[in-house]
PDB file of N, CA and C in Angstrom:
ATOM      1  N   MET A   1      19.336   9.391 -12.437  1.00  0.00           N
ATOM      2  CA  MET A   1      19.145   8.459 -11.345  1.00  0.00           C
ATOM      3  C   MET A   1      18.846   9.199 -10.035  1.00  0.00           C
ATOM      4  N   ARG A   2      19.475  10.329  -9.835  1.00  0.00           N
ATOM      5  CA  ARG A   2      19.229  11.081  -8.603  1.00  0.00           C
ATOM      6  C   ARG A   2      17.790  11.597  -8.542  1.00  0.00           C
ATOM      7  N   LYS A   3      17.259  11.967  -9.683  1.00  0.00           N
ATOM      8  CA  LYS A   3      15.895  12.485  -9.691  1.00  0.00           C
ATOM      9  C   LYS A   3      14.913  11.417  -9.211  1.00  0.00           C
ATOM     10  N   TRP A   4      15.119  10.167  -9.617  1.00  0.00           N
ATOM     11  CA  TRP A   4      14.226   9.084  -9.204  1.00  0.00           C
ATOM     12  C   TRP A   4      14.287   8.891  -7.694  1.00  0.00           C
ATOM     13  N   ASN A   5      15.470   8.945  -7.117  1.00  0.00           N
ATOM     14  CA  ASN A   5      15.614   8.769  -5.677  1.00  0.00           C
ATOM     15  C   ASN A   5      14.999   9.915  -4.909  1.00  0.00           C
ATOM     16  N   SER A   6      15.054  11.131  -5.442  1.00  0.00           N
ATOM     17  CA  SER A   6      14.508  12.274  -4.722  1.00  0.00           C
ATOM     18  C   SER A   6      12.992  12.301  -4.775  1.00  0.00           C
ATOM     19  N   GLU A   7      12.378  11.585  -5.698  1.00  0.00           N
ATOM     20  CA  GLU A   7      10.919  11.591  -5.819  1.00  0.00           C
ATOM     21  C   GLU A   7      10.257  10.486  -5.003  1.00  0.00           C
ATOM     22  N   ARG A   8      11.029   9.605  -4.422  1.00  0.00           N
ATOM     23  CA  ARG A   8      10.423   8.512  -3.652  1.00  0.00           C
ATOM     24  C   ARG A   8       9.682   9.041  -2.433  1.00  0.00           C
ATOM     25  N   GLY A   9      10.249  10.007  -1.735  1.00  0.00           N
ATOM     26  CA  GLY A   9       9.591  10.564  -0.562  1.00  0.00           C
ATOM     27  C   GLY A   9       8.327  11.320  -0.920  1.00  0.00           C
ATOM     28  N   ALA A  10       8.374  12.052  -2.018  1.00  0.00           N
ATOM     29  CA  ALA A  10       7.192  12.794  -2.455  1.00  0.00           C
ATOM     30  C   ALA A  10       6.069  11.831  -2.830  1.00  0.00           C
ATOM     31  N   THR A  11       6.411  10.734  -3.469  1.00  0.00           N
ATOM     32  CA  THR A  11       5.393   9.758  -3.853  1.00  0.00           C
ATOM     33  C   THR A  11       4.756   9.127  -2.617  1.00  0.00           C
ATOM     34  N   ALA A  12       5.553   8.847  -1.613  1.00  0.00           N
ATOM     35  CA  ALA A  12       5.009   8.268  -0.383  1.00  0.00           C
ATOM     36  C   ALA A  12       4.049   9.234   0.294  1.00  0.00           C
ATOM     37  N   VAL A  13       4.399  10.507   0.296  1.00  0.00           N
ATOM     38  CA  VAL A  13       3.517  11.517   0.895  1.00  0.00           C
ATOM     39  C   VAL A  13       2.220  11.620   0.104  1.00  0.00           C
ATOM     40  N   GLU A  14       2.313  11.583  -1.207  1.00  0.00           N
ATOM     41  CA  GLU A  14       1.105  11.653  -2.039  1.00  0.00           C
ATOM     42  C   GLU A  14       0.202  10.459  -1.790  1.00  0.00           C
ATOM     43  N   TYR A  15       0.780   9.271  -1.689  1.00  0.00           N
ATOM     44  CA  TYR A  15      -0.029   8.090  -1.395  1.00  0.00           C
ATOM     45  C   TYR A  15      -0.651   8.193  -0.003  1.00  0.00           C
ATOM     46  N   GLY A  16       0.069   8.722   0.943  1.00  0.00           N
ATOM     47  CA  GLY A  16      -0.468   8.890   2.288  1.00  0.00           C
ATOM     48  C   GLY A  16      -1.661   9.829   2.316  1.00  0.00           C
ATOM     49  N   ILE A  17      -1.552  10.937   1.588  1.00  0.00           N
ATOM     50  CA  ILE A  17      -2.673  11.885   1.505  1.00  0.00           C
ATOM     51  C   ILE A  17      -3.866  11.229   0.808  1.00  0.00           C
ATOM     52  N   PHE A  18      -3.595  10.472  -0.237  1.00  0.00           N
ATOM     53  CA  PHE A  18      -4.660   9.789  -0.974  1.00  0.00           C
ATOM     54  C   PHE A  18      -5.381   8.775  -0.093  1.00  0.00           C
ATOM     55  N   VAL A  19      -4.633   8.003   0.674  1.00  0.00           N
ATOM     56  CA  VAL A  19      -5.227   7.008   1.580  1.00  0.00           C
ATOM     57  C   VAL A  19      -6.029   7.700   2.680  1.00  0.00           C
ATOM     58  N   ALA A  20      -5.522   8.812   3.206  1.00  0.00           N
ATOM     59  CA  ALA A  20      -6.254   9.551   4.238  1.00  0.00           C
ATOM     60  C   ALA A  20      -7.567  10.097   3.685  1.00  0.00           C
ATOM     61  N   PHE A  21      -7.555  10.571   2.451  1.00  0.00           N
ATOM     62  CA  PHE A  21      -8.780  11.080   1.834  1.00  0.00           C
ATOM     63  C   PHE A  21      -9.797   9.961   1.649  1.00  0.00           C
ATOM     64  N   ILE A  22      -9.358   8.813   1.169  1.00  0.00           N
ATOM     65  CA  ILE A  22     -10.269   7.676   0.989  1.00  0.00           C
ATOM     66  C   ILE A  22     -10.843   7.233   2.338  1.00  0.00           C
ATOM     67  N   ALA A  23     -10.004   7.203   3.378  1.00  0.00           N
ATOM     68  CA  ALA A  23     -10.485   6.819   4.711  1.00  0.00           C
ATOM     69  C   ALA A  23     -11.536   7.794   5.209  1.00  0.00           C
ATOM     70  N   ALA A  24     -11.331   9.081   4.975  1.00  0.00           N
ATOM     71  CA  ALA A  24     -12.312  10.075   5.403  1.00  0.00           C
ATOM     72  C   ALA A  24     -13.639   9.888   4.669  1.00  0.00           C
ATOM     73  N   VAL A  25     -13.580   9.606   3.379  1.00  0.00           N
ATOM     74  CA  VAL A  25     -14.805   9.382   2.598  1.00  0.00           C
ATOM     75  C   VAL A  25     -15.534   8.135   3.097  1.00  0.00           C
ATOM     76  N   VAL A  26     -14.808   7.087   3.404  1.00  0.00           N
ATOM     77  CA  VAL A  26     -15.421   5.858   3.903  1.00  0.00           C
ATOM     78  C   VAL A  26     -16.072   6.112   5.266  1.00  0.00           C
ATOM     79  N   ILE A  27     -15.398   6.838   6.138  1.00  0.00           N
ATOM     80  CA  ILE A  27     -15.958   7.119   7.463  1.00  0.00           C
ATOM     81  C   ILE A  27     -17.236   7.937   7.351  1.00  0.00           C
ATOM     82  N   VAL A  28     -17.235   8.948   6.501  1.00  0.00           N
ATOM     83  CA  VAL A  28     -18.438   9.766   6.311  1.00  0.00           C
ATOM     84  C   VAL A  28     -19.571   8.920   5.726  1.00  0.00           C
ATOM     85  N   GLY A  29     -19.250   8.063   4.770  1.00  0.00           N
ATOM     86  CA  GLY A  29     -20.280   7.210   4.166  1.00  0.00           C
ATOM     87  C   GLY A  29     -20.877   6.225   5.143  1.00  0.00           C
ATOM     88  N   VAL A  30     -20.047   5.596   5.950  1.00  0.00           N
ATOM     89  CA  VAL A  30     -20.544   4.638   6.940  1.00  0.00           C
ATOM     90  C   VAL A  30     -21.379   5.352   8.000  1.00  0.00           C
ATOM     91  N   ALA A  31     -20.944   6.527   8.405  1.00  0.00           N
ATOM     92  CA  ALA A  31     -21.718   7.283   9.397  1.00  0.00           C
ATOM     93  C   ALA A  31     -23.082   7.681   8.833  1.00  0.00           C
ATOM     94  N   ALA A  32     -23.112   8.106   7.577  1.00  0.00           N
ATOM     95  CA  ALA A  32     -24.384   8.493   6.961  1.00  0.00           C
ATOM     96  C   ALA A  32     -25.310   7.298   6.817  1.00  0.00           C
ATOM     97  N   LEU A  33     -24.772   6.160   6.401  1.00  0.00           N
ATOM     98  CA  LEU A  33     -25.609   4.968   6.277  1.00  0.00           C
ATOM     99  C   LEU A  33     -26.077   4.477   7.634  1.00  0.00           C
ATOM    100  N   GLY A  34     -25.243   4.600   8.644  1.00  0.00           N
ATOM    101  CA  GLY A  34     -25.625   4.167   9.985  1.00  0.00           C
ATOM    102  C   GLY A  34     -26.789   4.968  10.522  1.00  0.00           C
ATOM    103  N   ILE A  35     -26.742   6.268  10.316  1.00  0.00           N
ATOM    104  CA  ILE A  35     -27.840   7.128  10.773  1.00  0.00           C
ATOM    105  C   ILE A  35     -29.102   6.842   9.964  1.00  0.00           C
ATOM    106  N   GLY A  36     -28.955   6.633   8.666  1.00  0.00           N
ATOM    107  CA  GLY A  36     -30.105   6.397   7.799  1.00  0.00           C
ATOM    108  C   GLY A  36     -30.777   5.061   8.039  1.00  0.00           C
ATOM    109  N   THR A  37     -30.021   4.040   8.404  1.00  0.00           N
ATOM    110  CA  THR A  37     -30.600   2.714   8.580  1.00  0.00           C
ATOM    111  C   THR A  37     -30.972   2.404  10.022  1.00  0.00           C
ATOM    112  N   GLN A  38     -30.658   3.291  10.926  1.00  0.00           N
ATOM    113  CA  GLN A  38     -30.964   3.038  12.330  1.00  0.00           C
ATOM    114  C   GLN A  38     -32.469   2.861  12.552  1.00  0.00           C
ATOM    115  N   GLY A  39     -33.258   3.659  11.895  1.00  0.00           N
ATOM    116  CA  GLY A  39     -34.704   3.574  12.048  1.00  0.00           C
ATOM    117  C   GLY A  39     -35.308   2.317  11.440  1.00  0.00           C
ATOM    118  N   LEU A  40     -34.609   1.684  10.516  1.00  0.00           N
ATOM    119  CA  LEU A  40     -35.125   0.471   9.888  1.00  0.00           C
ATOM    120  C   LEU A  40     -35.121  -0.720  10.829  1.00  0.00           C
ATOM    121  N   PHE A  41     -34.196  -0.750  11.761  1.00  0.00           N
ATOM    122  CA  PHE A  41     -34.056  -1.915  12.630  1.00  0.00           C
ATOM    123  C   PHE A  41     -34.819  -1.781  13.946  1.00  0.00           C
ATOM    124  N   THR A  42     -35.325  -0.615  14.254  1.00  0.00           N
ATOM    125  CA  THR A  42     -36.072  -0.426  15.492  1.00  0.00           C
ATOM    126  C   THR A  42     -37.338  -1.284  15.540  1.00  0.00           C
ATOM    127  N   PRO A  43     -38.157  -1.334  14.492  1.00  0.00           N
ATOM    128  CA  PRO A  43     -39.339  -2.216  14.541  1.00  0.00           C
ATOM    129  C   PRO A  43     -38.981  -3.693  14.677  1.00  0.00           C
ATOM    130  N   VAL A  44     -37.900  -4.106  14.061  1.00  0.00           N
ATOM    131  CA  VAL A  44     -37.474  -5.503  14.163  1.00  0.00           C
ATOM    132  C   VAL A  44     -37.059  -5.815  15.600  1.00  0.00           C
ATOM    133  N   ALA A  45     -36.304  -4.919  16.209  1.00  0.00           N
ATOM    134  CA  ALA A  45     -35.880  -5.123  17.590  1.00  0.00           C
ATOM    135  C   ALA A  45     -37.079  -5.143  18.526  1.00  0.00           C
ATOM    136  N   THR A  46     -38.039  -4.272  18.274  1.00  0.00           N
ATOM    137  CA  THR A  46     -39.247  -4.256  19.105  1.00  0.00           C
ATOM    138  C   THR A  46     -40.037  -5.543  18.952  1.00  0.00           C
ATOM    139  N   PHE A  47     -40.139  -6.044  17.741  1.00  0.00           N
ATOM    140  CA  PHE A  47     -40.868  -7.276  17.481  1.00  0.00           C
ATOM    141  C   PHE A  47     -40.248  -8.447  18.251  1.00  0.00           C
ATOM    142  N   PHE A  48     -38.918  -8.573  18.168  1.00  0.00           N
ATOM    143  CA  PHE A  48     -38.263  -9.701  18.823  1.00  0.00           C
ATOM    144  C   PHE A  48     -38.176  -9.536  20.341  1.00  0.00           C
ATOM    145  N   SER A  49     -38.285  -8.310  20.829  1.00  0.00           N
ATOM    146  CA  SER A  49     -38.233  -8.126  22.277  1.00  0.00           C
ATOM    147  C   SER A  49     -39.528  -8.565  22.959  1.00  0.00           C
ATOM    148  N   THR A  50     -40.585  -8.773  22.189  1.00  0.00           N
ATOM    149  CA  THR A  50     -41.857  -9.218  22.783  1.00  0.00           C
ATOM    150  C   THR A  50     -41.859 -10.703  23.116  1.00  0.00           C
ATOM    151  N   PHE A  51     -40.933 -11.453  22.533  1.00  0.00           N
ATOM    152  CA  PHE A  51     -40.859 -12.887  22.817  1.00  0.00           C
ATOM    153  C   PHE A  51     -40.053 -13.151  24.077  1.00  0.00           C
ATOM    154  N   SER A  52     -40.501 -14.091  24.867  1.00  0.00           N
ATOM    155  CA  SER A  52     -39.772 -14.479  26.066  1.00  0.00           C
ATOM    156  C   SER A  52     -38.973 -15.740  25.769  1.00  0.00           C
ATOM    157  N   PRO A  53     -37.740 -15.791  26.233  1.00  0.00           N
ATOM    158  CA  PRO A  53     -36.927 -17.009  25.987  1.00  0.00           C
ATOM    159  C   PRO A  53     -37.395 -18.197  26.776  1.00  0.00           C
TER     160      PRO A  53
END
Protein backbone atom coordinates (compact mmCIF):
# COMPACT_ATOMS: atom_id res chain seq x y z
CA MET A 1 0.00 0.00 0.00
CA ARG A 2 2.84 2.40 0.74
CA LYS A 3 4.33 1.86 -2.70
CA TRP A 4 1.09 3.00 -4.36
CA ASN A 5 1.01 6.20 -2.30
CA SER A 6 4.64 7.01 -3.05
CA GLU A 7 4.06 6.71 -6.81
CA ARG A 8 1.22 9.23 -6.97
CA GLY A 9 3.58 12.21 -7.09
CA ALA A 10 5.76 10.62 -9.73
CA THR A 11 2.72 9.91 -11.89
CA ALA A 12 1.57 13.51 -11.62
CA VAL A 13 4.99 14.74 -12.70
CA GLU A 14 5.00 12.34 -15.65
CA TYR A 15 1.58 13.54 -16.76
CA GLY A 16 2.73 17.14 -16.41
CA ILE A 17 5.76 16.52 -18.62
CA PHE A 18 3.57 14.70 -21.14
CA VAL A 19 1.06 17.58 -21.28
CA ALA A 20 3.88 20.13 -21.66
CA PHE A 21 5.33 18.13 -24.56
CA ILE A 22 1.95 17.94 -26.31
CA ALA A 23 1.44 21.69 -25.80
CA ALA A 24 4.84 22.41 -27.33
CA VAL A 25 4.04 20.24 -30.36
CA VAL A 26 0.69 21.98 -30.83
CA ILE A 27 2.29 25.43 -30.59
CA VAL A 28 4.96 24.54 -33.15
CA GLY A 29 2.33 23.07 -35.48
CA VAL A 30 0.03 26.08 -35.27
CA ALA A 31 2.94 28.45 -35.83
CA ALA A 32 4.08 26.48 -38.88
CA LEU A 33 0.58 26.40 -40.35
CA GLY A 34 0.11 30.10 -39.65
CA ILE A 35 3.25 31.02 -41.54
CA GLY A 36 2.39 28.64 -44.39
CA THR A 37 -1.18 29.86 -44.85
CA GLN A 38 -0.50 33.55 -44.44
CA GLY A 39 0.21 33.97 -48.13
CA LEU A 40 -3.04 32.25 -49.10
CA PHE A 41 -5.23 34.94 -47.59
CA THR A 42 -3.38 37.99 -48.92
CA PRO A 43 -5.07 37.88 -52.38
CA VAL A 44 -8.47 37.47 -50.75
CA ALA A 45 -7.88 40.45 -48.48
CA THR A 46 -6.70 42.52 -51.44
CA PHE A 47 -9.75 41.55 -53.47
CA PHE A 48 -12.19 42.58 -50.74
CA SER A 49 -10.32 45.79 -49.95
CA THR A 50 -11.16 47.10 -53.43
CA PHE A 51 -14.86 47.30 -52.58
CA SER A 52 -16.22 50.41 -50.92
CA PRO A 53 -18.90 50.01 -48.25
